């Protein structure tokens, strides 16, 4: 998804040639407002943040005063194999927690540079599409001021229409740890002014009801095809006749969204002409717990069986 990101970014060379600005002093009103931030980490990095028996995450919560939550090991951001970390609390507490987490992840990377420059890394924040406008500002003025104020590179991805029900975008912040924290501070303060941001604070941060919408076929009916299955860790890919995919999706995606919500699984349908090997069956990939996968698979196959019985 990063390859399609917009070009709101400052170059590392330009950043290094600028002198650091004075730290921004947030208003006490905004600093005390309940806030949250979500960002992506690899599964391995998530384990590092949790620590043995939850010791690291407990320590970070105690030191920062913020609450730190992680999506489960099989719950990924759509289109990635990355888990979601959510940090909530007062902005100052969130920044303390982010510093602890990012410093831990930086230490795990064990980066050794040949010069005295601090390593520049990326952190991908998740921001709702409705709130991205406030970060960009009129003509990009706000995001440019954030780049100047933090010295970090900031890129906002376009909305990904490949996943039905996905209303979030990725904001990639590139820089040293200090630069990233300054950028996150500026972004959080701006988000706190947006009513859409506060309304979404208590929404679940898993993506069980999203699915790939590029494979929609409006007229699902036709012949039976043998169903094939490929097993993966925490996921199963089954084959469904190309002619029947439309029925599995339902009008406006209602059927598959209901299956996702009832089962708790995330379901992705392959693009047109992307078939199971040696067949004309479309790939339906189901991710989640074994129980969620079994339930979703059973519900999908019930739709297929009902359709083929009508044809027979």
Protein backbone atom coordinates (compact mmCIF):
# COMPACT_ATOMS: atom_id res chain seq x y z
CA UNK A 1 0.00 0.00 0.00
CA UNK A 2 2.92 2.30 0.56
CA UNK A 3 3.79 2.35 -3.12
CA UNK A 4 0.68 4.43 -3.83
CA UNK A 5 1.27 7.00 -1.14
CA UNK A 6 0.95 10.67 -1.91
CA UNK A 7 4.02 12.87 -2.17
CA UNK A 8 3.64 14.96 0.97
CA UNK A 9 7.16 14.34 2.24
CA UNK A 10 10.39 16.16 2.92
CA UNK A 11 13.64 14.57 1.80
CA UNK A 12 16.05 13.25 4.48
CA UNK A 13 18.83 15.43 3.05
CA UNK A 14 16.74 18.58 3.36
CA UNK A 15 15.71 17.60 6.85
CA UNK A 16 19.27 17.12 8.05
CA UNK A 17 20.32 20.53 6.74
CA UNK A 18 17.71 22.37 8.78
CA UNK A 19 18.29 23.43 12.34
CA UNK A 20 15.79 21.94 14.78
CA UNK A 21 12.87 24.22 15.62
CA UNK A 22 11.98 25.07 19.18
CA UNK A 23 9.69 22.46 20.72
CA UNK A 24 6.00 23.19 20.33
CA UNK A 25 4.16 23.84 23.56
CA UNK A 26 0.72 22.28 23.33
CA UNK A 27 -2.14 24.05 25.00
CA UNK A 28 -2.95 22.48 28.33
CA UNK A 29 -6.56 22.03 27.18
CA UNK A 30 -5.61 19.86 24.20
CA UNK A 31 -2.85 18.06 26.07
CA UNK A 32 -5.36 16.86 28.67
CA UNK A 33 -8.02 15.74 26.19
CA UNK A 34 -8.53 11.97 25.89
CA UNK A 35 -6.76 10.90 22.74
CA UNK A 36 -5.55 7.77 20.97
CA UNK A 37 -3.22 6.71 18.20
CA UNK A 38 -3.07 3.52 16.17
CA UNK A 39 -0.06 2.26 14.24
CA UNK A 40 1.25 -0.88 12.56
CA UNK A 41 3.92 -3.30 13.73
CA UNK A 42 5.06 -6.66 12.43
CA UNK A 43 4.02 -9.76 14.35
CA UNK A 44 7.60 -10.18 15.62
CA UNK A 45 7.74 -6.55 16.76
CA UNK A 46 4.41 -6.98 18.54
CA UNK A 47 5.94 -9.81 20.56
CA UNK A 48 8.80 -7.54 21.53
CA UNK A 49 6.37 -4.87 22.75
CA UNK A 50 4.37 -7.41 24.77
CA UNK A 51 7.41 -9.03 26.38
CA UNK A 52 7.59 -12.29 28.27
CA UNK A 53 4.31 -12.86 30.06
CA UNK A 54 3.25 -9.30 29.16
CA UNK A 55 6.07 -7.80 31.26
CA UNK A 56 7.18 -5.16 28.73
CA UNK A 57 3.74 -3.80 27.89
CA UNK A 58 2.87 -3.69 31.60
CA UNK A 59 6.06 -1.73 32.30
CA UNK A 60 5.39 0.71 29.44
CA UNK A 61 1.83 1.32 30.65
CA UNK A 62 3.05 1.93 34.19
CA UNK A 63 5.81 4.34 33.12
CA UNK A 64 3.67 6.31 30.65
CA UNK A 65 0.22 6.28 32.22
CA UNK A 66 -1.25 5.41 28.80
CA UNK A 67 -3.24 2.32 27.88
CA UNK A 68 -1.60 0.08 25.24
CA UNK A 69 -3.66 -2.48 23.30
CA UNK A 70 -2.70 -4.84 20.48
CA UNK A 71 -4.79 -6.62 17.90
CA UNK A 72 -4.68 -10.39 18.22
CA UNK A 73 -1.99 -12.42 16.46
CA UNK A 74 -4.26 -13.20 13.49
CA UNK A 75 -5.83 -9.73 13.19
CA UNK A 76 -3.95 -7.73 10.57
CA UNK A 77 -4.44 -4.39 8.89
CA UNK A 78 -6.06 -5.13 5.49
CA UNK A 79 -3.55 -5.72 2.72
CA UNK A 80 -0.68 -6.30 5.17
CA UNK A 81 0.57 -8.92 7.62
CA UNK A 82 1.00 -6.26 10.32
CA UNK A 83 -0.80 -6.03 13.64
CA UNK A 84 -2.27 -2.87 15.15
CA UNK A 85 -1.15 -1.19 18.36
CA UNK A 86 -3.51 1.34 19.94
CA UNK A 87 -2.23 3.77 22.59
CA UNK A 88 -4.78 5.89 24.43
CA UNK A 89 -4.78 8.49 27.19
CA UNK A 90 -3.73 12.13 27.54
CA UNK A 91 -1.46 13.31 24.71
CA UNK A 92 1.59 13.61 26.98
CA UNK A 93 1.04 10.05 28.22
CA UNK A 94 0.61 8.77 24.65
CA UNK A 95 3.88 10.44 23.62
CA UNK A 96 5.70 8.84 26.56
CA UNK A 97 4.35 5.43 25.60
CA UNK A 98 5.22 5.99 21.92
CA UNK A 99 8.77 6.94 22.90
CA UNK A 100 9.13 3.75 24.94
CA UNK A 101 7.68 1.54 22.18
CA UNK A 102 9.57 3.11 19.27
CA UNK A 103 12.84 3.13 21.22
CA UNK A 104 12.33 -0.55 22.02
CA UNK A 105 11.69 -1.37 18.36
CA UNK A 106 14.68 0.72 17.29
CA UNK A 107 16.88 -1.15 19.73
CA UNK A 108 15.61 -4.47 18.37
CA UNK A 109 16.69 -3.41 14.86
CA UNK A 110 20.24 -2.98 16.15
CA UNK A 111 20.99 -0.36 13.48
CA UNK A 112 24.64 0.60 13.21
CA UNK A 113 25.44 3.61 11.02
CA UNK A 114 28.88 4.57 9.78
CA UNK A 115 28.41 8.19 10.78
CA UNK A 116 27.09 10.02 13.80
CA UNK A 117 23.59 10.54 12.37
CA UNK A 118 20.74 8.95 14.25
CA UNK A 119 18.96 6.17 12.33
CA UNK A 120 15.85 7.22 10.40
CA UNK A 121 13.00 4.74 10.53
CA UNK A 122 9.33 4.64 9.56
CA UNK A 123 6.19 4.37 11.65
CA UNK A 124 2.84 3.90 9.92
CA UNK A 125 -0.06 5.55 11.72
CA UNK A 126 -3.68 4.61 11.02
CA UNK A 127 -5.96 7.63 10.59
CA UNK A 128 -9.60 7.57 9.53
CA UNK A 129 -10.23 8.90 6.05
CA UNK A 130 -12.61 11.55 7.43
CA UNK A 131 -9.83 12.97 9.65
CA UNK A 132 -7.07 13.04 7.02
CA UNK A 133 -8.33 16.29 5.57
CA UNK A 134 -7.55 18.15 8.80
CA UNK A 135 -3.97 16.85 8.70
CA UNK A 136 -3.48 17.82 5.06
CA UNK A 137 -5.05 21.27 5.36
CA UNK A 138 -6.00 23.63 2.55
CA UNK A 139 -3.61 23.12 -0.34
CA UNK A 140 -1.47 20.87 1.87
CA UNK A 141 -0.56 23.80 4.12
CA UNK A 142 -1.03 21.94 7.42
CA UNK A 143 1.00 18.86 6.54
CA UNK A 144 3.77 21.04 5.13
CA UNK A 145 3.89 22.97 8.40
CA UNK A 146 4.10 19.66 10.28
CA UNK A 147 7.02 18.58 8.09
CA UNK A 148 8.79 21.88 8.75
CA UNK A 149 7.95 21.80 12.44
CA UNK A 150 9.03 18.22 13.10
CA UNK A 151 11.72 17.73 10.43
CA UNK A 152 10.14 14.32 9.75
CA UNK A 153 8.95 13.06 6.40
CA UNK A 154 5.16 12.63 6.37
CA UNK A 155 3.25 10.78 3.65
CA UNK A 156 -0.49 10.07 3.53
CA UNK A 157 -1.65 7.12 1.44
CA UNK A 158 -4.70 7.47 -0.79
CA UNK A 159 -7.85 5.68 0.32
CA UNK A 160 -7.61 1.98 -0.56
CA UNK A 161 -10.80 1.03 -2.41
CA UNK A 162 -9.69 -2.60 -2.77
CA UNK A 163 -11.17 -3.40 0.64
CA UNK A 164 -14.88 -2.80 1.14
CA UNK A 165 -15.57 -1.26 4.54
CA UNK A 166 -12.02 0.08 5.03
CA UNK A 167 -12.32 3.74 5.99
CA UNK A 168 -8.76 4.30 7.23
CA UNK A 169 -5.57 5.50 5.59
CA UNK A 170 -1.91 5.13 6.50
CA UNK A 171 0.17 8.14 7.52
CA UNK A 172 3.85 7.21 7.29
CA UNK A 173 6.20 9.26 9.48
CA UNK A 174 9.90 8.92 8.63
CA UNK A 175 12.71 10.30 10.76
CA UNK A 176 14.76 9.92 13.89
CA UNK A 177 12.95 9.01 17.07
CA UNK A 178 12.77 12.67 18.17
CA UNK A 179 11.51 13.79 14.77
CA UNK A 180 8.85 11.10 14.73
CA UNK A 181 7.64 12.06 18.20
CA UNK A 182 7.42 15.75 17.26
CA UNK A 183 5.39 14.84 14.17
CA UNK A 184 3.09 12.55 16.15
CA UNK A 185 2.58 15.33 18.71
CA UNK A 186 1.55 17.78 15.98
CA UNK A 187 -0.73 15.23 14.32
CA UNK A 188 -2.43 14.31 17.60
CA UNK A 189 -3.04 17.93 18.57
CA UNK A 190 -4.67 18.53 15.19
CA UNK A 191 -6.76 15.36 15.36
CA UNK A 192 -8.11 16.39 18.76
CA UNK A 193 -9.76 19.36 17.05
CA UNK A 194 -11.63 17.05 14.65
CA UNK A 195 -15.05 15.77 15.86
CA UNK A 196 -14.75 12.65 13.66
CA UNK A 197 -11.61 11.65 15.56
CA UNK A 198 -13.19 11.70 19.02
CA UNK A 199 -16.29 9.84 17.77
CA UNK A 200 -14.14 6.92 16.59
CA UNK A 201 -12.20 6.61 19.84
CA UNK A 202 -14.19 3.66 21.16
CA UNK A 203 -14.67 1.89 17.83
CA UNK A 204 -13.08 -1.59 17.58
CA UNK A 205 -9.71 -1.50 15.90
CA UNK A 206 -9.84 -4.92 14.23
CA UNK A 207 -10.84 -5.27 10.59
CA UNK A 208 -12.92 -8.45 10.62
CA UNK A 209 -15.60 -7.03 8.30
CA UNK A 210 -13.38 -5.83 5.46
CA UNK A 211 -12.97 -7.77 2.26
CA UNK A 212 -11.50 -7.36 -1.20
CA UNK A 213 -14.23 -5.74 -3.29
CA UNK A 214 -12.46 -5.91 -6.64
CA UNK A 215 -13.84 -9.37 -7.32
CA UNK A 216 -17.52 -8.43 -7.46
CA UNK A 217 -19.50 -10.28 -10.13
CA UNK A 218 -23.12 -9.05 -10.36
CA UNK A 219 -24.75 -12.11 -11.92
CA UNK A 220 -23.81 -15.15 -9.87
CA UNK A 221 -25.30 -18.38 -11.24
CA UNK A 222 -24.15 -21.37 -13.23
CA UNK A 223 -22.48 -24.73 -13.11
CA UNK A 224 -20.87 -26.58 -10.23
CA UNK A 225 -17.10 -26.71 -9.96
CA UNK A 226 -15.12 -28.86 -7.53
CA UNK A 227 -13.98 -26.88 -4.53
CA UNK A 228 -10.26 -26.78 -3.73
CA UNK A 229 -8.57 -25.63 -0.55
CA UNK A 230 -5.13 -24.30 0.37
CA UNK A 231 -4.17 -24.21 4.07
CA UNK A 232 -1.96 -21.48 5.54
CA UNK A 233 -1.11 -20.37 9.06
CA UNK A 234 -4.26 -18.75 10.52
CA UNK A 235 -5.87 -18.65 7.07
CA UNK A 236 -7.61 -20.90 4.58
CA UNK A 237 -8.13 -20.26 0.86
CA UNK A 238 -11.08 -22.01 -0.75
CA UNK A 239 -12.26 -22.02 -4.34
CA UNK A 240 -15.70 -20.77 -5.34
CA UNK A 241 -17.04 -20.92 -8.88
CA UNK A 242 -16.56 -17.62 -10.69
CA UNK A 243 -20.27 -17.68 -11.61
CA UNK A 244 -21.28 -17.92 -7.95
CA UNK A 245 -19.06 -15.23 -6.42
CA UNK A 246 -21.80 -12.65 -6.86
CA UNK A 247 -24.14 -14.66 -4.66
CA UNK A 248 -21.47 -15.06 -1.99
CA UNK A 249 -20.95 -11.29 -1.99
CA UNK A 250 -24.65 -10.43 -2.03
CA UNK A 251 -26.20 -7.15 -3.10
CA UNK A 252 -23.82 -4.36 -2.13
CA UNK A 253 -21.61 -6.89 -0.33
CA UNK A 254 -24.25 -7.61 2.32
CA UNK A 255 -23.83 -11.40 2.40
CA UNK A 256 -20.09 -11.45 2.84
CA UNK A 257 -20.14 -8.63 5.37
CA UNK A 258 -22.70 -10.55 7.42
CA UNK A 259 -20.54 -13.68 7.23
CA UNK A 260 -17.52 -11.67 8.40
CA UNK A 261 -19.43 -10.09 11.27
CA UNK A 262 -21.06 -13.33 12.45
CA UNK A 263 -17.91 -15.44 12.21
CA UNK A 264 -15.33 -12.82 13.21
CA UNK A 265 -13.16 -13.79 10.23
CA UNK A 266 -11.65 -11.46 7.63
CA UNK A 267 -12.55 -12.50 4.09
CA UNK A 268 -10.75 -11.52 0.91
CA UNK A 269 -11.87 -12.41 -2.62
CA UNK A 270 -9.36 -12.55 -5.46
CA UNK A 271 -9.50 -10.24 -8.46
CA UNK A 272 -11.20 -11.27 -11.69
CA UNK A 273 -9.17 -13.86 -13.63
CA UNK A 274 -7.20 -14.77 -10.46
CA UNK A 275 -8.23 -18.40 -10.07
CA UNK A 276 -7.23 -21.41 -8.00
CA UNK A 277 -4.54 -23.29 -9.89
CA UNK A 278 -5.96 -25.39 -12.72
CA UNK A 279 -9.57 -24.24 -12.18
CA UNK A 280 -11.95 -21.40 -12.91
CA UNK A 281 -12.69 -21.04 -9.18
CA UNK A 282 -12.05 -17.67 -7.58
CA UNK A 283 -9.89 -17.60 -4.44
CA UNK A 284 -11.68 -16.80 -1.19
CA UNK A 285 -9.14 -16.31 1.60
CA UNK A 286 -10.44 -16.51 5.16
CA UNK A 287 -8.29 -15.27 8.07
CA UNK A 288 -8.93 -15.54 11.77
CA UNK A 289 -9.10 -18.06 14.56
CA UNK A 290 -9.69 -21.69 13.58
CA UNK A 291 -13.23 -21.43 14.90
CA UNK A 292 -13.89 -18.22 12.92
CA UNK A 293 -12.42 -19.76 9.76
CA UNK A 294 -14.56 -22.90 10.09
CA UNK A 295 -17.73 -20.90 10.65
CA UNK A 296 -17.08 -18.51 7.76
CA UNK A 297 -16.19 -21.41 5.41
CA UNK A 298 -19.35 -23.26 6.40
CA UNK A 299 -21.53 -20.19 5.78
CA UNK A 300 -19.91 -19.53 2.39
CA UNK A 301 -20.30 -23.13 1.27
CA UNK A 302 -23.94 -23.10 2.39
CA UNK A 303 -24.58 -20.17 0.02
CA UNK A 304 -22.84 -22.08 -2.79
CA UNK A 305 -24.77 -25.30 -2.10
CA UNK A 306 -28.11 -23.48 -2.03
CA UNK A 307 -27.31 -21.81 -5.35
CA UNK A 308 -26.21 -25.01 -7.08
CA UNK A 309 -29.26 -26.91 -5.79
CA UNK A 310 -31.49 -24.29 -7.45
CA UNK A 311 -29.55 -24.69 -10.70
CA UNK A 312 -29.88 -28.50 -10.58
